[in-house]
Amino acid sequence: MRYADALDYDDEKFRRLTGVKKSTFRKMVDILTEAHARKKTRGGRPNKLQVPEMLMMTLEYLREYRTYFHIGANYGLAESSAYETIRWVEDTLIKSGAFALPGKKALSRESPEIEVILVDATETPVERPKKSKNGTTRARRGGTR
């Protein structure tokens, strides 16, 4: 879905669509716009997508796990261009340090209950056919004489 269409949604639907709030989305766009401006100061071909479209494409990939081919076709890009754009957006947001997921310790503090699952991994004999004299062929027996 295009960014312009997603702006018409209220906050709840926008979050359901992208996985982030509108305010977080705007912060991400600001960070990416600054990084994009720094990247393009040296010149180069203009991108086919605007920064909000790039972010929307990345969030769509992370939210739905669609293939790069399908996302690229949706946005009018080649598969490789979709991959490069998504990687650039992810790397830029990670390097900014403004967004982080809670670590392992935060997750362990929230759930003090321990759930134990036991898996039965006992060894069982495999049924194999028994060898017998009738099972060997004459050619094999005759070749060793």
Protein backbone atom coordinates (compact mmCIF):
# COMPACT_ATOMS: atom_id res chain seq x y z
CA MET A 1 0.00 0.00 0.00
CA ARG A 2 1.25 3.45 -0.81
CA TYR A 3 2.11 5.99 1.87
CA ALA A 4 -0.46 8.55 0.67
CA ASP A 5 -3.24 5.99 1.06
CA ALA A 6 -2.04 4.95 4.51
CA LEU A 7 -2.16 8.55 5.79
CA ASP A 8 -5.95 8.49 5.52
CA TYR A 9 -6.16 5.76 8.17
CA ASP A 10 -6.67 6.62 11.81
CA ASP A 11 -3.91 5.83 14.34
CA GLU A 12 -5.16 2.36 15.19
CA LYS A 13 -5.50 1.19 11.59
CA PHE A 14 -2.17 2.76 10.65
CA ARG A 15 -0.48 0.82 13.44
CA ARG A 16 -2.21 -2.39 12.37
CA LEU A 17 -1.02 -1.80 8.81
CA THR A 18 2.60 -0.84 9.46
CA GLY A 19 3.35 -2.12 12.96
CA VAL A 20 4.39 1.34 14.24
CA LYS A 21 2.53 4.42 15.44
CA LYS A 22 2.25 7.48 13.22
CA SER A 23 4.54 9.47 15.53
CA THR A 24 7.20 6.74 15.34
CA PHE A 25 6.78 6.63 11.58
CA ARG A 26 7.38 10.40 11.37
CA LYS A 27 10.54 10.07 13.50
CA MET A 28 11.79 7.32 11.21
CA VAL A 29 11.07 9.47 8.15
CA ASP A 30 13.01 12.38 9.67
CA ILE A 31 16.05 10.19 10.35
CA LEU A 32 15.92 8.65 6.89
CA THR A 33 15.47 12.04 5.19
CA GLU A 34 18.62 13.37 6.85
CA ALA A 35 20.58 10.26 5.90
CA HIS A 36 19.24 10.39 2.36
CA ALA A 37 20.27 14.04 2.01
CA ARG A 38 23.79 13.17 3.24
CA LYS A 39 23.97 10.27 0.81
CA LYS A 40 22.87 12.39 -2.17
CA THR A 41 25.24 15.32 -1.47
CA ARG A 42 27.87 13.56 -3.56
CA GLY A 43 25.40 13.40 -6.42
CA GLY A 44 23.91 10.42 -8.12
CA ARG A 45 20.74 9.38 -9.78
CA PRO A 46 17.54 10.33 -7.95
CA ASN A 47 15.65 7.50 -6.36
CA LYS A 48 12.40 6.31 -7.87
CA LEU A 49 10.71 6.31 -4.45
CA GLN A 50 10.48 9.05 -1.87
CA VAL A 51 11.74 8.39 1.66
CA PRO A 52 8.27 7.68 3.16
CA GLU A 53 7.64 5.16 0.37
CA MET A 54 10.97 3.46 1.12
CA LEU A 55 10.06 3.20 4.79
CA MET A 56 6.58 1.95 3.98
CA MET A 57 8.10 -0.72 1.73
CA THR A 58 10.48 -1.80 4.50
CA LEU A 59 7.73 -1.99 7.11
CA GLU A 60 5.61 -3.98 4.68
CA TYR A 61 8.48 -6.42 4.23
CA LEU A 62 9.06 -6.76 7.97
CA ARG A 63 5.36 -7.04 8.76
CA GLU A 64 4.26 -9.45 6.04
CA TYR A 65 7.49 -11.27 5.08
CA ARG A 66 6.66 -11.00 1.41
CA THR A 67 9.37 -11.70 -1.13
CA TYR A 68 11.48 -8.91 -2.57
CA PHE A 69 10.06 -9.76 -5.98
CA HIS A 70 6.46 -9.15 -4.85
CA ILE A 71 7.30 -5.97 -2.98
CA GLY A 72 9.34 -4.68 -5.91
CA ALA A 73 6.49 -5.42 -8.30
CA ASN A 74 4.11 -3.58 -5.97
CA TYR A 75 6.29 -0.46 -5.96
CA GLY A 76 7.49 -0.64 -9.56
CA LEU A 77 11.06 -1.68 -8.73
CA ALA A 78 13.31 -4.56 -9.64
CA GLU A 79 13.84 -7.28 -7.05
CA SER A 80 17.43 -6.17 -6.46
CA SER A 81 16.42 -2.53 -6.02
CA ALA A 82 13.79 -3.52 -3.47
CA TYR A 83 16.41 -5.54 -1.56
CA GLU A 84 18.93 -2.68 -1.58
CA THR A 85 16.34 -0.14 -0.48
CA ILE A 86 15.08 -2.29 2.37
CA ARG A 87 18.63 -3.01 3.54
CA TRP A 88 19.53 0.71 3.42
CA VAL A 89 16.47 1.67 5.47
CA GLU A 90 17.11 -1.07 8.05
CA ASP A 91 20.82 -0.24 8.36
CA THR A 92 20.20 3.51 8.61
CA LEU A 93 17.60 3.12 11.36
CA ILE A 94 19.84 0.73 13.29
CA LYS A 95 22.84 3.07 13.03
CA SER A 96 20.78 6.03 14.22
CA GLY A 97 20.38 4.39 17.64
CA ALA A 98 16.97 6.02 18.11
CA PHE A 99 15.13 2.72 17.97
CA ALA A 100 15.93 -0.43 19.89
CA LEU A 101 14.13 -3.56 20.92
CA PRO A 102 14.20 -4.61 24.56
CA GLY A 103 17.05 -6.95 25.42
CA LYS A 104 16.96 -10.47 26.81
CA LYS A 105 16.95 -9.26 30.42
CA ALA A 106 13.86 -7.13 29.90
CA LEU A 107 11.99 -10.09 28.51
CA SER A 108 13.02 -12.34 31.38
CA ARG A 109 11.94 -9.77 33.99
CA GLU A 110 8.44 -9.58 32.55
CA SER A 111 7.63 -13.29 32.75
CA PRO A 112 8.68 -14.81 36.08
CA GLU A 113 6.76 -18.01 35.34
CA ILE A 114 8.84 -20.79 33.88
CA GLU A 115 7.19 -23.17 31.51
CA VAL A 116 8.79 -26.56 31.06
CA ILE A 117 8.17 -28.72 28.05
CA LEU A 118 9.43 -32.29 28.04
CA VAL A 119 10.20 -34.07 24.83
CA ASP A 120 10.28 -37.86 24.73
CA ALA A 121 13.54 -38.63 22.97
CA THR A 122 14.02 -42.25 23.96
CA GLU A 123 15.70 -44.51 21.49
CA THR A 124 13.56 -47.04 19.71
CA PRO A 125 14.97 -49.87 17.65
CA VAL A 126 14.56 -49.59 13.91
CA GLU A 127 12.99 -52.58 12.25
CA ARG A 128 15.22 -53.79 9.45
CA PRO A 129 14.93 -56.94 7.38
CA LYS A 130 17.11 -59.81 8.59
CA LYS A 131 19.83 -61.13 6.32
CA SER A 132 19.42 -64.65 5.06
CA LYS A 133 21.12 -67.00 2.61
CA ASN A 134 18.18 -66.74 0.25
CA GLY A 135 18.61 -62.99 0.11
CA THR A 136 22.08 -63.07 -1.49
CA THR A 137 22.36 -63.50 -5.23
CA ARG A 138 24.30 -66.22 -7.06
CA ALA A 139 26.42 -63.66 -8.89
CA ARG A 140 27.71 -62.24 -5.66
CA ARG A 141 28.42 -65.68 -4.15
CA GLY A 142 30.00 -66.96 -7.33
CA GLY A 143 32.36 -64.01 -7.78
CA THR A 144 34.41 -64.74 -4.67
CA ARG A 145 35.41 -68.33 -5.52
